[in-house]
PDB file of N, CA and C in Angstrom:
ATOM      1  N   MET A   1     119.609 110.603  70.747  1.00  0.00           N
ATOM      2  CA  MET A   1     118.481 110.348  71.635  1.00  0.00           C
ATOM      3  C   MET A   1     118.471 108.869  71.993  1.00  0.00           C
ATOM      4  N   TRP A   2     118.027 108.554  73.199  1.00  0.00           N
ATOM      5  CA  TRP A   2     118.068 107.180  73.662  1.00  0.00           C
ATOM      6  C   TRP A   2     117.155 106.264  72.867  1.00  0.00           C
ATOM      7  N   CYS A   3     116.056 106.771  72.303  1.00  0.00           N
ATOM      8  CA  CYS A   3     115.106 105.923  71.588  1.00  0.00           C
ATOM      9  C   CYS A   3     115.771 105.206  70.415  1.00  0.00           C
ATOM     10  N   SER A   4     116.570 105.910  69.673  1.00  0.00           N
ATOM     11  CA  SER A   4     117.193 105.295  68.507  1.00  0.00           C
ATOM     12  C   SER A   4     118.183 104.213  68.918  1.00  0.00           C
ATOM     13  N   SER A   5     118.892 104.426  70.016  1.00  0.00           N
ATOM     14  CA  SER A   5     119.841 103.406  70.441  1.00  0.00           C
ATOM     15  C   SER A   5     119.128 102.182  71.000  1.00  0.00           C
ATOM     16  N   LEU A   6     118.008 102.372  71.675  1.00  0.00           N
ATOM     17  CA  LEU A   6     117.247 101.235  72.198  1.00  0.00           C
ATOM     18  C   LEU A   6     116.549 100.485  71.079  1.00  0.00           C
ATOM     19  N   ALA A   7     116.034 101.207  70.099  1.00  0.00           N
ATOM     20  CA  ALA A   7     115.275 100.581  69.027  1.00  0.00           C
ATOM     21  C   ALA A   7     116.166  99.804  68.066  1.00  0.00           C
ATOM     22  N   SER A   8     117.412 100.198  67.930  1.00  0.00           N
ATOM     23  CA  SER A   8     118.261  99.560  66.938  1.00  0.00           C
ATOM     24  C   SER A   8     118.596  98.111  67.301  1.00  0.00           C
ATOM     25  N   THR A   9     118.948  97.846  68.545  1.00  0.00           N
ATOM     26  CA  THR A   9     119.267  96.488  68.969  1.00  0.00           C
ATOM     27  C   THR A   9     118.825  96.266  70.414  1.00  0.00           C
ATOM     28  N   PRO A  10     117.515  96.240  70.662  1.00  0.00           N
ATOM     29  CA  PRO A  10     117.038  96.152  72.039  1.00  0.00           C
ATOM     30  C   PRO A  10     117.462  94.883  72.764  1.00  0.00           C
ATOM     31  N   GLU A  11     117.648  93.790  72.052  1.00  0.00           N
ATOM     32  CA  GLU A  11     118.019  92.539  72.699  1.00  0.00           C
ATOM     33  C   GLU A  11     119.473  92.520  73.176  1.00  0.00           C
ATOM     34  N   ARG A  12     120.263  93.487  72.805  1.00  0.00           N
ATOM     35  CA  ARG A  12     121.673  93.528  73.179  1.00  0.00           C
ATOM     36  C   ARG A  12     121.966  94.527  74.284  1.00  0.00           C
ATOM     37  N   ILE A  13     120.984  95.282  74.723  1.00  0.00           N
ATOM     38  CA  ILE A  13     121.194  96.292  75.746  1.00  0.00           C
ATOM     39  C   ILE A  13     120.955  95.674  77.116  1.00  0.00           C
ATOM     40  N   PRO A  14     121.897  95.808  78.022  1.00  0.00           N
ATOM     41  CA  PRO A  14     121.703  95.274  79.363  1.00  0.00           C
ATOM     42  C   PRO A  14     120.477  95.907  80.032  1.00  0.00           C
ATOM     43  N   VAL A  15     119.730  95.111  80.772  1.00  0.00           N
ATOM     44  CA  VAL A  15     118.506  95.577  81.412  1.00  0.00           C
ATOM     45  C   VAL A  15     118.754  96.807  82.272  1.00  0.00           C
ATOM     46  N   ASP A  16     119.850  96.804  83.026  1.00  0.00           N
ATOM     47  CA  ASP A  16     120.146  97.955  83.879  1.00  0.00           C
ATOM     48  C   ASP A  16     120.317  99.235  83.072  1.00  0.00           C
ATOM     49  N   GLU A  17     120.871  99.109  81.864  1.00  0.00           N
ATOM     50  CA  GLU A  17     121.038 100.289  81.012  1.00  0.00           C
ATOM     51  C   GLU A  17     119.682 100.795  80.511  1.00  0.00           C
ATOM     52  N   VAL A  18     118.775  99.874  80.228  1.00  0.00           N
ATOM     53  CA  VAL A  18     117.431 100.274  79.808  1.00  0.00           C
ATOM     54  C   VAL A  18     116.759 101.072  80.923  1.00  0.00           C
ATOM     55  N   PHE A  19     116.834 100.559  82.161  1.00  0.00           N
ATOM     56  CA  PHE A  19     116.246 101.278  83.288  1.00  0.00           C
ATOM     57  C   PHE A  19     116.889 102.652  83.450  1.00  0.00           C
ATOM     58  N   GLU A  20     118.182 102.714  83.259  1.00  0.00           N
ATOM     59  CA  GLU A  20     118.887 103.997  83.379  1.00  0.00           C
ATOM     60  C   GLU A  20     118.408 104.974  82.311  1.00  0.00           C
ATOM     61  N   GLN A  21     118.296 104.497  81.083  1.00  0.00           N
ATOM     62  CA  GLN A  21     117.863 105.359  79.981  1.00  0.00           C
ATOM     63  C   GLN A  21     116.422 105.846  80.181  1.00  0.00           C
ATOM     64  N   LEU A  22     115.572 104.983  80.731  1.00  0.00           N
ATOM     65  CA  LEU A  22     114.169 105.340  80.942  1.00  0.00           C
ATOM     66  C   LEU A  22     113.937 106.048  82.270  1.00  0.00           C
ATOM     67  N   LYS A  23     115.012 106.195  83.041  1.00  0.00           N
ATOM     68  CA  LYS A  23     114.954 106.855  84.348  1.00  0.00           C
ATOM     69  C   LYS A  23     113.915 106.204  85.264  1.00  0.00           C
ATOM     70  N   CYS A  24     114.027 104.870  85.383  1.00  0.00           N
ATOM     71  CA  CYS A  24     113.155 104.111  86.273  1.00  0.00           C
ATOM     72  C   CYS A  24     113.958 102.944  86.847  1.00  0.00           C
ATOM     73  N   SER A  25     113.292 102.073  87.594  1.00  0.00           N
ATOM     74  CA  SER A  25     113.970 100.928  88.185  1.00  0.00           C
ATOM     75  C   SER A  25     113.103  99.687  88.018  1.00  0.00           C
ATOM     76  N   ARG A  26     113.590  98.556  88.478  1.00  0.00           N
ATOM     77  CA  ARG A  26     112.814  97.320  88.415  1.00  0.00           C
ATOM     78  C   ARG A  26     111.516  97.439  89.201  1.00  0.00           C
ATOM     79  N   GLU A  27     111.505  98.297  90.206  1.00  0.00           N
ATOM     80  CA  GLU A  27     110.321  98.498  91.037  1.00  0.00           C
ATOM     81  C   GLU A  27     109.325  99.470  90.396  1.00  0.00           C
ATOM     82  N   GLY A  28     109.697 100.094  89.303  1.00  0.00           N
ATOM     83  CA  GLY A  28     108.829 101.058  88.633  1.00  0.00           C
ATOM     84  C   GLY A  28     109.264 102.480  88.926  1.00  0.00           C
ATOM     85  N   LEU A  29     108.366 103.415  88.673  1.00  0.00           N
ATOM     86  CA  LEU A  29     108.660 104.823  88.893  1.00  0.00           C
ATOM     87  C   LEU A  29     108.381 105.206  90.338  1.00  0.00           C
ATOM     88  N   SER A  30     109.101 106.191  90.811  1.00  0.00           N
ATOM     89  CA  SER A  30     108.768 106.754  92.113  1.00  0.00           C
ATOM     90  C   SER A  30     107.453 107.518  91.964  1.00  0.00           C
ATOM     91  N   THR A  31     106.786 107.760  93.058  1.00  0.00           N
ATOM     92  CA  THR A  31     105.531 108.519  93.016  1.00  0.00           C
ATOM     93  C   THR A  31     105.768 109.884  92.389  1.00  0.00           C
ATOM     94  N   GLU A  32     106.857 110.520  92.784  1.00  0.00           N
ATOM     95  CA  GLU A  32     107.188 111.848  92.247  1.00  0.00           C
ATOM     96  C   GLU A  32     107.385 111.799  90.733  1.00  0.00           C
ATOM     97  N   GLU A  33     108.152 110.821  90.260  1.00  0.00           N
ATOM     98  CA  GLU A  33     108.408 110.708  88.821  1.00  0.00           C
ATOM     99  C   GLU A  33     107.124 110.353  88.079  1.00  0.00           C
ATOM    100  N   GLY A  34     106.300 109.497  88.658  1.00  0.00           N
ATOM    101  CA  GLY A  34     105.026 109.137  88.039  1.00  0.00           C
ATOM    102  C   GLY A  34     104.117 110.341  87.878  1.00  0.00           C
ATOM    103  N   GLN A  35     104.037 111.180  88.914  1.00  0.00           N
ATOM    104  CA  GLN A  35     103.214 112.389  88.852  1.00  0.00           C
ATOM    105  C   GLN A  35     103.748 113.353  87.797  1.00  0.00           C
ATOM    106  N   LYS A  36     105.065 113.459  87.726  1.00  0.00           N
ATOM    107  CA  LYS A  36     105.685 114.355  86.745  1.00  0.00           C
ATOM    108  C   LYS A  36     105.351 113.902  85.322  1.00  0.00           C
ATOM    109  N   ARG A  37     105.462 112.600  85.072  1.00  0.00           N
ATOM    110  CA  ARG A  37     105.173 112.081  83.730  1.00  0.00           C
ATOM    111  C   ARG A  37     103.682 112.169  83.410  1.00  0.00           C
ATOM    112  N   LEU A  38     102.842 112.000  84.413  1.00  0.00           N
ATOM    113  CA  LEU A  38     101.408 112.140  84.204  1.00  0.00           C
ATOM    114  C   LEU A  38     101.083 113.562  83.759  1.00  0.00           C
ATOM    115  N   GLN A  39     101.735 114.553  84.346  1.00  0.00           N
ATOM    116  CA  GLN A  39     101.529 115.944  83.951  1.00  0.00           C
ATOM    117  C   GLN A  39     102.015 116.197  82.527  1.00  0.00           C
ATOM    118  N   ILE A  40     103.123 115.574  82.154  1.00  0.00           N
ATOM    119  CA  ILE A  40     103.705 115.786  80.823  1.00  0.00           C
ATOM    120  C   ILE A  40     102.942 115.023  79.745  1.00  0.00           C
ATOM    121  N   PHE A  41     102.698 113.722  79.988  1.00  0.00           N
ATOM    122  CA  PHE A  41     102.164 112.840  78.949  1.00  0.00           C
ATOM    123  C   PHE A  41     100.679 112.534  79.081  1.00  0.00           C
ATOM    124  N   GLY A  42     100.085 112.821  80.249  1.00  0.00           N
ATOM    125  CA  GLY A  42      98.682 112.497  80.468  1.00  0.00           C
ATOM    126  C   GLY A  42      98.533 111.038  80.885  1.00  0.00           C
ATOM    127  N   PRO A  43      97.283 110.610  81.076  1.00  0.00           N
ATOM    128  CA  PRO A  43      97.044 109.240  81.536  1.00  0.00           C
ATOM    129  C   PRO A  43      97.434 108.216  80.475  1.00  0.00           C
ATOM    130  N   ASP A  44      97.763 107.037  80.936  1.00  0.00           N
ATOM    131  CA  ASP A  44      98.179 105.941  80.060  1.00  0.00           C
ATOM    132  C   ASP A  44      96.943 105.158  79.636  1.00  0.00           C
ATOM    133  N   LYS A  45      96.286 105.644  78.583  1.00  0.00           N
ATOM    134  CA  LYS A  45      95.113 104.936  78.093  1.00  0.00           C
ATOM    135  C   LYS A  45      95.030 105.084  76.585  1.00  0.00           C
ATOM    136  N   LEU A  46      94.432 104.100  75.967  1.00  0.00           N
ATOM    137  CA  LEU A  46      94.263 104.110  74.526  1.00  0.00           C
ATOM    138  C   LEU A  46      92.909 104.708  74.180  1.00  0.00           C
ATOM    139  N   GLU A  47      92.877 105.443  73.103  1.00  0.00           N
ATOM    140  CA  GLU A  47      91.632 106.021  72.635  1.00  0.00           C
ATOM    141  C   GLU A  47      90.825 104.938  71.924  1.00  0.00           C
ATOM    142  N   GLU A  48      89.556 104.831  72.277  1.00  0.00           N
ATOM    143  CA  GLU A  48      88.710 103.838  71.619  1.00  0.00           C
ATOM    144  C   GLU A  48      88.239 104.377  70.283  1.00  0.00           C
ATOM    145  N   LYS A  49      88.251 103.510  69.297  1.00  0.00           N
ATOM    146  CA  LYS A  49      87.734 103.865  67.977  1.00  0.00           C
ATOM    147  C   LYS A  49      86.613 102.898  67.650  1.00  0.00           C
ATOM    148  N   LYS A  50      85.584 103.423  67.029  1.00  0.00           N
ATOM    149  CA  LYS A  50      84.472 102.564  66.650  1.00  0.00           C
ATOM    150  C   LYS A  50      84.902 101.707  65.465  1.00  0.00           C
ATOM    151  N   ALA A  51      84.620 100.423  65.580  1.00  0.00           N
ATOM    152  CA  ALA A  51      84.965  99.494  64.514  1.00  0.00           C
ATOM    153  C   ALA A  51      83.954  99.618  63.378  1.00  0.00           C
ATOM    154  N   LYS A  52      84.441  99.543  62.184  1.00  0.00           N
ATOM    155  CA  LYS A  52      83.557  99.539  61.026  1.00  0.00           C
ATOM    156  C   LYS A  52      83.136  98.094  60.778  1.00  0.00           C
ATOM    157  N   HIS A  53      81.876  97.903  60.599  1.00  0.00           N
ATOM    158  CA  HIS A  53      81.378  96.561  60.332  1.00  0.00           C
ATOM    159  C   HIS A  53      81.394  96.330  58.828  1.00  0.00           C
ATOM    160  N   LEU A  54      82.216  95.405  58.394  1.00  0.00           N
ATOM    161  CA  LEU A  54      82.344  95.147  56.966  1.00  0.00           C
ATOM    162  C   LEU A  54      81.040  94.654  56.353  1.00  0.00           C
ATOM    163  N   LEU A  55      80.327  93.790  57.068  1.00  0.00           N
ATOM    164  CA  LEU A  55      79.078  93.255  56.544  1.00  0.00           C
ATOM    165  C   LEU A  55      78.074  94.384  56.296  1.00  0.00           C
ATOM    166  N   LYS A  56      77.947  95.296  57.242  1.00  0.00           N
ATOM    167  CA  LYS A  56      77.033  96.430  57.094  1.00  0.00           C
ATOM    168  C   LYS A  56      77.436  97.277  55.896  1.00  0.00           C
ATOM    169  N   HIS A  57      78.723  97.444  55.709  1.00  0.00           N
ATOM    170  CA  HIS A  57      79.229  98.237  54.584  1.00  0.00           C
ATOM    171  C   HIS A  57      78.780  97.649  53.251  1.00  0.00           C
ATOM    172  N   TYR A  58      78.835  96.339  53.090  1.00  0.00           N
ATOM    173  CA  TYR A  58      78.488  95.706  51.839  1.00  0.00           C
ATOM    174  C   TYR A  58      76.981  95.597  51.643  1.00  0.00           C
ATOM    175  N   ILE A  59      76.217  95.407  52.694  1.00  0.00           N
ATOM    176  CA  ILE A  59      74.776  95.265  52.602  1.00  0.00           C
ATOM    177  C   ILE A  59      74.123  96.606  52.267  1.00  0.00           C
ATOM    178  N   CYS A  60      74.623  97.676  52.797  1.00  0.00           N
ATOM    179  CA  CYS A  60      74.001  98.993  52.638  1.00  0.00           C
ATOM    180  C   CYS A  60      74.271  99.631  51.284  1.00  0.00           C
ATOM    181  N   LYS A  61      75.132  99.081  50.501  1.00  0.00           N
ATOM    182  CA  LYS A  61      75.453  99.695  49.198  1.00  0.00           C
ATOM    183  C   LYS A  61      74.444  99.379  48.149  1.00  0.00           C
TER     184      LYS A  61
END
């Protein structure tokens, strides 16, 4: 799989090869490819998690 080869020595892989492996270009994804990946992977967003307040944790005990 391409992930293992990229992760092992990323600084030694030519940029063009990275784009080839990721099936994209310097300009980004085509609209068609972007829509396809959106259907497969969903939107590119991080899930928010509520932070635990350490001070509250110690005061409430």
